Structures are given as C-alpha cells and as structure tokens.
C-alpha atoms as a PDB file:
ATOM      1  CA  UNK A   1      52.298  67.029  84.530  1.00  0.00           C
ATOM      2  CA  UNK A   2      55.045  64.533  83.688  1.00  0.00           C
ATOM      3  CA  UNK A   3      55.219  62.921  80.250  1.00  0.00           C
ATOM      4  CA  UNK A   4      57.387  59.866  79.531  1.00  0.00           C
ATOM      5  CA  UNK A   5      57.944  58.407  76.050  1.00  0.00           C
ATOM      6  CA  UNK A   6      59.182  54.845  75.538  1.00  0.00           C
ATOM      7  CA  UNK A   7      60.469  54.577  71.976  1.00  0.00           C
ATOM      8  CA  UNK A   8      63.341  53.345  69.851  1.00  0.00           C
ATOM      9  CA  UNK A   9      63.536  56.848  68.346  1.00  0.00           C
ATOM     10  CA  UNK A  10      63.776  59.284  71.294  1.00  0.00           C
ATOM     11  CA  UNK A  11      64.957  62.053  68.972  1.00  0.00           C
ATOM     12  CA  UNK A  12      61.399  62.248  67.610  1.00  0.00           C
ATOM     13  CA  UNK A  13      60.476  64.164  70.740  1.00  0.00           C
ATOM     14  CA  UNK A  14      63.080  66.914  70.422  1.00  0.00           C
ATOM     15  CA  UNK A  15      60.344  69.015  68.776  1.00  0.00           C
ATOM     16  CA  UNK A  16      58.567  69.275  72.127  1.00  0.00           C
ATOM     17  CA  UNK A  17      61.106  71.938  73.061  1.00  0.00           C
ATOM     18  CA  UNK A  18      59.661  74.470  70.588  1.00  0.00           C
ATOM     19  CA  UNK A  19      56.514  76.612  70.444  1.00  0.00           C
ATOM     20  CA  UNK A  20      53.944  76.598  73.269  1.00  0.00           C
ATOM     21  CA  UNK A  21      54.984  73.132  74.443  1.00  0.00           C
ATOM     22  CA  UNK A  22      58.545  74.338  74.852  1.00  0.00           C
ATOM     23  CA  UNK A  23      57.339  77.323  76.874  1.00  0.00           C
ATOM     24  CA  UNK A  24      55.258  75.014  79.057  1.00  0.00           C
ATOM     25  CA  UNK A  25      58.381  72.954  79.781  1.00  0.00           C
ATOM     26  CA  UNK A  26      60.431  76.086  80.534  1.00  0.00           C
ATOM     27  CA  UNK A  27      57.718  77.373  82.860  1.00  0.00           C
ATOM     28  CA  UNK A  28      57.617  74.091  84.752  1.00  0.00           C
ATOM     29  CA  UNK A  29      54.045  73.274  83.735  1.00  0.00           C
ATOM     30  CA  UNK A  30      55.141  70.099  81.949  1.00  0.00           C
ATOM     31  CA  UNK A  31      58.086  67.747  82.474  1.00  0.00           C
ATOM     32  CA  UNK A  32      59.179  65.638  79.486  1.00  0.00           C
ATOM     33  CA  UNK A  33      61.393  62.530  79.366  1.00  0.00           C
ATOM     34  CA  UNK A  34      62.084  60.514  76.199  1.00  0.00           C
ATOM     35  CA  UNK A  35      63.582  57.070  76.854  1.00  0.00           C
ATOM     36  CA  UNK A  36      65.335  54.801  74.356  1.00  0.00           C
ATOM     37  CA  UNK A  37      63.740  51.357  74.750  1.00  0.00           C
ATOM     38  CA  UNK A  38      67.000  49.763  73.585  1.00  0.00           C
ATOM     39  CA  UNK A  39      68.508  50.833  76.902  1.00  0.00           C
ATOM     40  CA  UNK A  40      66.701  47.865  78.453  1.00  0.00           C
ATOM     41  CA  UNK A  41      68.119  45.253  76.048  1.00  0.00           C
ATOM     42  CA  UNK A  42      71.070  42.995  76.869  1.00  0.00           C
ATOM     43  CA  UNK A  43      72.417  41.617  73.589  1.00  0.00           C
ATOM     44  CA  UNK A  44      75.077  43.328  71.513  1.00  0.00           C
ATOM     45  CA  UNK A  45      72.579  44.127  68.753  1.00  0.00           C
ATOM     46  CA  UNK A  46      70.190  45.775  71.246  1.00  0.00           C
ATOM     47  CA  UNK A  47      67.324  43.720  69.830  1.00  0.00           C
ATOM     48  CA  UNK A  48      63.761  44.830  70.597  1.00  0.00           C
ATOM     49  CA  UNK A  49      61.827  42.606  68.157  1.00  0.00           C
ATOM     50  CA  UNK A  50      61.304  39.004  67.140  1.00  0.00           C
ATOM     51  CA  UNK A  51      59.215  36.979  64.690  1.00  0.00           C
ATOM     52  CA  UNK A  52      55.481  36.648  65.455  1.00  0.00           C
ATOM     53  CA  UNK A  53      54.231  33.510  67.166  1.00  0.00           C
ATOM     54  CA  UNK A  54      52.048  31.567  64.743  1.00  0.00           C
ATOM     55  CA  UNK A  55      53.920  32.914  61.732  1.00  0.00           C
ATOM     56  CA  UNK A  56      53.157  35.820  59.479  1.00  0.00           C
ATOM     57  CA  UNK A  57      54.891  38.836  58.017  1.00  0.00           C
ATOM     58  CA  UNK A  58      56.835  41.434  59.941  1.00  0.00           C
ATOM     59  CA  UNK A  59      58.258  41.516  63.429  1.00  0.00           C
ATOM     60  CA  UNK A  60      56.755  42.052  66.894  1.00  0.00           C
ATOM     61  CA  UNK A  61      58.263  44.094  69.732  1.00  0.00           C
ATOM     62  CA  UNK A  62      59.490  41.771  72.501  1.00  0.00           C
ATOM     63  CA  UNK A  63      57.990  42.088  76.000  1.00  0.00           C
ATOM     64  CA  UNK A  64      61.233  41.937  78.003  1.00  0.00           C
ATOM     65  CA  UNK A  65      62.559  45.465  77.277  1.00  0.00           C
ATOM     66  CA  UNK A  66      59.136  46.937  77.991  1.00  0.00           C
ATOM     67  CA  UNK A  67      58.853  45.098  81.288  1.00  0.00           C
ATOM     68  CA  UNK A  68      62.267  46.246  82.468  1.00  0.00           C
ATOM     69  CA  UNK A  69      61.483  49.815  81.406  1.00  0.00           C
ATOM     70  CA  UNK A  70      58.243  49.700  83.397  1.00  0.00           C
ATOM     71  CA  UNK A  71      60.059  48.334  86.447  1.00  0.00           C
ATOM     72  CA  UNK A  72      62.599  51.158  86.413  1.00  0.00           C
ATOM     73  CA  UNK A  73      60.278  54.019  85.534  1.00  0.00           C
ATOM     74  CA  UNK A  74      57.047  53.015  87.252  1.00  0.00           C
ATOM     75  CA  UNK A  75      57.834  50.220  89.689  1.00  0.00           C
ATOM     76  CA  UNK A  76      55.522  47.242  89.995  1.00  0.00           C
ATOM     77  CA  UNK A  77      52.893  48.483  92.448  1.00  0.00           C
ATOM     78  CA  UNK A  78      49.430  49.233  91.041  1.00  0.00           C
ATOM     79  CA  UNK A  79      48.743  52.954  90.684  1.00  0.00           C
ATOM     80  CA  UNK A  80      45.690  53.921  88.589  1.00  0.00           C
ATOM     81  CA  UNK A  81      46.736  57.586  88.724  1.00  0.00           C
ATOM     82  CA  UNK A  82      49.461  56.729  86.185  1.00  0.00           C
ATOM     83  CA  UNK A  83      48.059  56.744  82.659  1.00  0.00           C
ATOM     84  CA  UNK A  84      49.693  54.644  79.934  1.00  0.00           C
ATOM     85  CA  UNK A  85      48.863  55.680  76.368  1.00  0.00           C
ATOM     86  CA  UNK A  86      49.429  53.154  73.582  1.00  0.00           C
ATOM     87  CA  UNK A  87      48.937  54.622  70.090  1.00  0.00           C
ATOM     88  CA  UNK A  88      47.618  51.877  67.816  1.00  0.00           C
ATOM     89  CA  UNK A  89      45.383  51.696  64.723  1.00  0.00           C
ATOM     90  CA  UNK A  90      43.282  49.134  66.610  1.00  0.00           C
ATOM     91  CA  UNK A  91      42.610  51.539  69.483  1.00  0.00           C
ATOM     92  CA  UNK A  92      39.530  53.624  70.194  1.00  0.00           C
ATOM     93  CA  UNK A  93      39.324  56.933  68.292  1.00  0.00           C
ATOM     94  CA  UNK A  94      41.137  59.763  70.051  1.00  0.00           C
ATOM     95  CA  UNK A  95      38.674  62.633  70.535  1.00  0.00           C
ATOM     96  CA  UNK A  96      38.660  66.000  72.267  1.00  0.00           C
ATOM     97  CA  UNK A  97      36.886  64.638  75.341  1.00  0.00           C
ATOM     98  CA  UNK A  98      39.763  62.194  75.857  1.00  0.00           C
ATOM     99  CA  UNK A  99      42.260  65.066  75.559  1.00  0.00           C
ATOM    100  CA  UNK A 100      40.328  67.014  78.194  1.00  0.00           C
ATOM    101  CA  UNK A 101      40.348  64.029  80.560  1.00  0.00           C
ATOM    102  CA  UNK A 102      44.081  63.439  80.123  1.00  0.00           C
ATOM    103  CA  UNK A 103      44.899  67.119  80.642  1.00  0.00           C
ATOM    104  CA  UNK A 104      43.982  66.706  84.305  1.00  0.00           C
ATOM    105  CA  UNK A 105      46.287  63.793  85.157  1.00  0.00           C
ATOM    106  CA  UNK A 106      49.734  64.082  86.702  1.00  0.00           C
ATOM    107  CA  UNK A 107      51.636  61.461  84.711  1.00  0.00           C
ATOM    108  CA  UNK A 108      51.287  59.949  81.251  1.00  0.00           C
ATOM    109  CA  UNK A 109      53.575  57.286  79.786  1.00  0.00           C
ATOM    110  CA  UNK A 110      53.448  56.863  75.996  1.00  0.00           C
ATOM    111  CA  UNK A 111      54.378  53.431  74.627  1.00  0.00           C
ATOM    112  CA  UNK A 112      55.404  53.921  71.012  1.00  0.00           C
ATOM    113  CA  UNK A 113      55.247  50.669  69.100  1.00  0.00           C
ATOM    114  CA  UNK A 114      56.953  49.813  65.806  1.00  0.00           C
ATOM    115  CA  UNK A 115      56.913  46.977  63.274  1.00  0.00           C
ATOM    116  CA  UNK A 116      53.720  44.892  63.638  1.00  0.00           C
ATOM    117  CA  UNK A 117      53.137  46.225  67.143  1.00  0.00           C
ATOM    118  CA  UNK A 118      53.917  45.411  70.762  1.00  0.00           C
ATOM    119  CA  UNK A 119      53.505  41.923  72.262  1.00  0.00           C
ATOM    120  CA  UNK A 120      49.969  41.970  73.679  1.00  0.00           C
ATOM    121  CA  UNK A 121      51.162  40.836  77.083  1.00  0.00           C
ATOM    122  CA  UNK A 122      52.871  44.212  77.581  1.00  0.00           C
ATOM    123  CA  UNK A 123      49.542  46.051  77.336  1.00  0.00           C
ATOM    124  CA  UNK A 124      47.781  43.460  79.499  1.00  0.00           C
ATOM    125  CA  UNK A 125      50.511  43.742  82.137  1.00  0.00           C
ATOM    126  CA  UNK A 126      50.222  47.535  82.157  1.00  0.00           C
ATOM    127  CA  UNK A 127      46.413  47.435  82.310  1.00  0.00           C
ATOM    128  CA  UNK A 128      46.585  45.310  85.464  1.00  0.00           C
ATOM    129  CA  UNK A 129      48.585  48.016  87.241  1.00  0.00           C
ATOM    130  CA  UNK A 130      47.913  51.399  85.650  1.00  0.00           C
ATOM    131  CA  UNK A 131      45.224  53.112  83.577  1.00  0.00           C
ATOM    132  CA  UNK A 132      45.745  52.169  79.939  1.00  0.00           C
ATOM    133  CA  UNK A 133      44.408  54.044  76.902  1.00  0.00           C
ATOM    134  CA  UNK A 134      44.770  52.366  73.492  1.00  0.00           C
ATOM    135  CA  UNK A 135      44.166  55.253  71.099  1.00  0.00           C
ATOM    136  CA  UNK A 136      43.886  55.636  67.331  1.00  0.00           C
ATOM    137  CA  UNK A 137      44.217  58.922  65.457  1.00  0.00           C
ATOM    138  CA  UNK A 138      42.097  57.671  62.573  1.00  0.00           C
ATOM    139  CA  UNK A 139      41.439  54.968  60.042  1.00  0.00           C
ATOM    140  CA  UNK A 140      44.967  54.707  58.698  1.00  0.00           C
ATOM    141  CA  UNK A 141      48.292  53.132  59.684  1.00  0.00           C
ATOM    142  CA  UNK A 142      51.543  54.918  60.574  1.00  0.00           C
ATOM    143  CA  UNK A 143      55.045  53.449  60.683  1.00  0.00           C
ATOM    144  CA  UNK A 144      55.127  53.779  64.466  1.00  0.00           C
ATOM    145  CA  UNK A 145      53.523  55.363  67.487  1.00  0.00           C
ATOM    146  CA  UNK A 146      55.758  58.419  67.751  1.00  0.00           C
ATOM    147  CA  UNK A 147      53.800  60.741  65.455  1.00  0.00           C
ATOM    148  CA  UNK A 148      50.541  59.757  67.142  1.00  0.00           C
ATOM    149  CA  UNK A 149      52.101  60.321  70.582  1.00  0.00           C
ATOM    150  CA  UNK A 150      53.139  63.822  69.519  1.00  0.00           C
ATOM    151  CA  UNK A 151      49.619  64.567  68.289  1.00  0.00           C
ATOM    152  CA  UNK A 152      48.054  63.357  71.531  1.00  0.00           C
ATOM    153  CA  UNK A 153      50.635  65.336  73.512  1.00  0.00           C
ATOM    154  CA  UNK A 154      49.826  68.591  71.735  1.00  0.00           C
ATOM    155  CA  UNK A 155      46.076  68.068  72.089  1.00  0.00           C
ATOM    156  CA  UNK A 156      46.442  67.350  75.818  1.00  0.00           C
ATOM    157  CA  UNK A 157      49.122  69.816  76.930  1.00  0.00           C
ATOM    158  CA  UNK A 158      47.464  72.855  75.350  1.00  0.00           C
ATOM    159  CA  UNK A 159      44.537  72.213  77.722  1.00  0.00           C
ATOM    160  CA  UNK A 160      46.731  72.290  80.842  1.00  0.00           C
ATOM    161  CA  UNK A 161      45.976  75.501  82.757  1.00  0.00           C
ATOM    162  CA  UNK A 162      48.553  78.185  82.009  1.00  0.00           C
ATOM    163  CA  UNK A 163      49.770  76.782  78.665  1.00  0.00           C
ATOM    164  CA  UNK A 164      47.414  78.816  76.451  1.00  0.00           C
ATOM    165  CA  UNK A 165      47.627  82.536  77.143  1.00  0.00           C
ATOM    166  CA  UNK A 166      43.908  83.204  76.646  1.00  0.00           C
ATOM    167  CA  UNK A 167      41.928  80.237  77.989  1.00  0.00           C
ATOM    168  CA  UNK A 168      38.706  81.649  76.521  1.00  0.00           C
ATOM    169  CA  UNK A 169      39.973  80.700  73.065  1.00  0.00           C
ATOM    170  CA  UNK A 170      39.701  77.022  74.026  1.00  0.00           C
ATOM    171  CA  UNK A 171      35.944  77.327  74.531  1.00  0.00           C
ATOM    172  CA  UNK A 172      35.244  78.241  70.895  1.00  0.00           C
ATOM    173  CA  UNK A 173      37.244  75.548  69.151  1.00  0.00           C
ATOM    174  CA  UNK A 174      36.012  72.605  67.132  1.00  0.00           C
ATOM    175  CA  UNK A 175      34.668  69.757  69.323  1.00  0.00           C
ATOM    176  CA  UNK A 176      34.740  71.913  72.478  1.00  0.00           C
ATOM    177  CA  UNK A 177      31.865  71.931  74.940  1.00  0.00           C
ATOM    178  CA  UNK A 178      31.650  75.694  74.470  1.00  0.00           C
ATOM    179  CA  UNK A 179      30.752  75.035  70.839  1.00  0.00           C
ATOM    180  CA  UNK A 180      28.416  72.147  71.729  1.00  0.00           C
ATOM    181  CA  UNK A 181      30.831  69.726  70.101  1.00  0.00           C
ATOM    182  CA  UNK A 182      30.401  71.384  66.675  1.00  0.00           C
ATOM    183  CA  UNK A 183      33.120  72.246  64.182  1.00  0.00           C
ATOM    184  CA  UNK A 184      34.459  75.761  64.608  1.00  0.00           C
ATOM    185  CA  UNK A 185      33.004  78.557  62.478  1.00  0.00           C
ATOM    186  CA  UNK A 186      35.175  80.260  59.776  1.00  0.00           C
ATOM    187  CA  UNK A 187      37.494  82.970  61.062  1.00  0.00           C
ATOM    188  CA  UNK A 188      38.689  86.175  59.374  1.00  0.00           C
ATOM    189  CA  UNK A 189      41.023  89.099  60.029  1.00  0.00           C
ATOM    190  CA  UNK A 190      42.008  92.341  58.291  1.00  0.00           C
ATOM    191  CA  UNK A 191      42.227  93.557  55.567  1.00  0.00           C
ATOM    192  CA  UNK A 192      38.452  93.536  55.122  1.00  0.00           C
ATOM    193  CA  UNK A 193      38.854  93.083  51.370  1.00  0.00           C
ATOM    194  CA  UNK A 194      41.553  90.772  49.969  1.00  0.00           C
ATOM    195  CA  UNK A 195      41.967  89.707  46.333  1.00  0.00           C
ATOM    196  CA  UNK A 196      38.291  90.256  45.626  1.00  0.00           C
ATOM    197  CA  UNK A 197      37.140  88.362  48.705  1.00  0.00           C
ATOM    198  CA  UNK A 198      35.483  90.224  51.603  1.00  0.00           C
ATOM    199  CA  UNK A 199      34.986  89.573  55.291  1.00  0.00           C
ATOM    200  CA  UNK A 200      31.251  88.892  55.904  1.00  0.00           C
ATOM    201  CA  UNK A 201      29.483  92.148  56.743  1.00  0.00           C
ATOM    202  CA  UNK A 202      28.050  90.813  59.983  1.00  0.00           C
ATOM    203  CA  UNK A 203      31.531  90.446  61.489  1.00  0.00           C
ATOM    204  CA  UNK A 204      32.185  94.142  60.932  1.00  0.00           C
ATOM    205  CA  UNK A 205      28.790  95.253  62.265  1.00  0.00           C
ATOM    206  CA  UNK A 206      29.768  95.473  65.921  1.00  0.00           C
ATOM    207  CA  UNK A 207      26.487  93.751  66.823  1.00  0.00           C
ATOM    208  CA  UNK A 208      27.585  90.991  69.206  1.00  0.00           C
ATOM    209  CA  UNK A 209      24.238  89.184  69.198  1.00  0.00           C
ATOM    210  CA  UNK A 210      24.135  88.946  65.390  1.00  0.00           C
ATOM    211  CA  UNK A 211      27.772  87.884  65.295  1.00  0.00           C
ATOM    212  CA  UNK A 212      27.134  85.115  67.835  1.00  0.00           C
ATOM    213  CA  UNK A 213      24.122  83.851  65.844  1.00  0.00           C
ATOM    214  CA  UNK A 214      26.102  83.953  62.579  1.00  0.00           C
ATOM    215  CA  UNK A 215      28.960  81.983  64.124  1.00  0.00           C
ATOM    216  CA  UNK A 216      26.619  79.357  65.537  1.00  0.00           C
ATOM    217  CA  UNK A 217      24.778  78.994  62.223  1.00  0.00           C
ATOM    218  CA  UNK A 218      28.077  78.650  60.364  1.00  0.00           C
ATOM    219  CA  UNK A 219      29.265  76.003  62.833  1.00  0.00           C
ATOM    220  CA  UNK A 220      26.069  74.012  62.348  1.00  0.00           C
ATOM    221  CA  UNK A 221      26.268  74.306  58.544  1.00  0.00           C
ATOM    222  CA  UNK A 222      29.923  73.241  58.447  1.00  0.00           C
ATOM    223  CA  UNK A 223      29.300  70.355  60.828  1.00  0.00           C
ATOM    224  CA  UNK A 224      26.303  69.202  58.777  1.00  0.00           C
ATOM    225  CA  UNK A 225      28.483  69.240  55.648  1.00  0.00           C
ATOM    226  CA  UNK A 226      31.622  67.587  57.027  1.00  0.00           C
ATOM    227  CA  UNK A 227      30.679  65.751  60.233  1.00  0.00           C
ATOM    228  CA  UNK A 228      26.915  65.136  60.378  1.00  0.00           C
ATOM    229  CA  UNK A 229      27.565  62.444  62.984  1.00  0.00           C
ATOM    230  CA  UNK A 230      28.281  65.226  65.503  1.00  0.00           C
ATOM    231  CA  UNK A 231      24.849  66.827  65.162  1.00  0.00           C
ATOM    232  CA  UNK A 232      22.004  66.138  67.527  1.00  0.00           C
ATOM    233  CA  UNK A 233      18.488  65.404  66.180  1.00  0.00           C
ATOM    234  CA  UNK A 234      17.408  69.028  66.810  1.00  0.00           C
ATOM    235  CA  UNK A 235      20.046  70.336  64.443  1.00  0.00           C
END
C-alpha cells in the first residue's frame, strides 16, 4: 500500500515512523510520502490561498497548486483504483467499515486542507478521475486535515495483513464484524485484585462458554448505554 499526503505541513507525518506504523513501513507493507503543497507554487511567497469568491471570512486554498500536484503524482488519466481521501467536517462520518474497505486498496492520496477549505473544483476534478472519499471524524472542526488524515491512516493501516501481530485481536474490537458492530466489552489483566477492585469472577473461571456469554452481554449493555444507534431491534 502506498500513502501520499498533500499538505502545507509535511512534518505532521513524521510520527508515522514510530510504533506499528513505523514497523509496517520498515517491513515494506506500507510506503509513505508526505509532500509540501507549496512545492507547486510559483510566487516568491509560495502562496496557496486566496480570498473566497462571494466574500466572507477566512481564506480558501487555491486550485492551481493542487492541480499541479495531481499532475505530477497521479497523472491525468482516470484510474478508479487510486483513492483520494479529503478530510472535511462536511464529509460523511468515517466508520470502521470504511477503514476495512480502504485497507484493501493499493494507493491512497490524502488531501489535507487548511483555512476555510479547498476550492471545490479540486475535489470535483479528482472525483472525475479517481475514487474520492470526503470523510469527517465527527461533529467538530479541526484547524486542518492533517490530524484527521493521521487518524484515518492508523485505522486503515492496522487492518493491512501483517501489520498486527495477532490478527484474531481485530475480530473482537469495537465496531468489528466479529463483535456484530457492538462496542468492545471491558478488558482486565492481573493482578486479580487492585486497590479494592476485582476482576469479575467469570473471567477467572476458565469456562470459555460463560466467558463468551459474559463478554457479549457486556458489549450489548455498553452499546445500549453509549451507542444505542448501533443496536438492532432484537437487542
């Protein structure tokens, strides 16, 4: 998998070299390239923004640097196998199913906007040639798309075969199909007793059937409390 990041702050993505993502890069499972969008500007101030058409507060990222970056990195020929991710508060919610879909593609290009956003024509141009995903992390606004791109990257790359040492652990996580899309049950480790709080007896019973039922019941209860929208009518 190749990941490209178009941004005016390429240093944001230095953190990809640590932890499991860093190991994935070292092992050749993932290839990462962070590109400074200002490289495709031509004035001495390396300007990437301008005032919004129609007036209003803030600045908008100009289309020209994006277009030239696309030309150099992706060419101009349509190729739906290339996926362009645009983090934006006006995008569709980013969910685990989307991460699973993206984990199977060969190339993702992240377009990290700033200011009031990217000129809409950039996204429309990309959508006519590649597969575009406008994604939102939640109902809030960030200063730019870099943090969101990092979050999407971590959610996607950990699902790439070989990145997680024990792939079975992925099946029991929150939102996973193995857990029927429920929130994950509470987890515990030793010591059995800590500061007056004990591990539930069932987890120390050695009875795998009871443990599985307890975990499922806890997942349902937690989901009902925090995310009832995830429960089916039978729950």
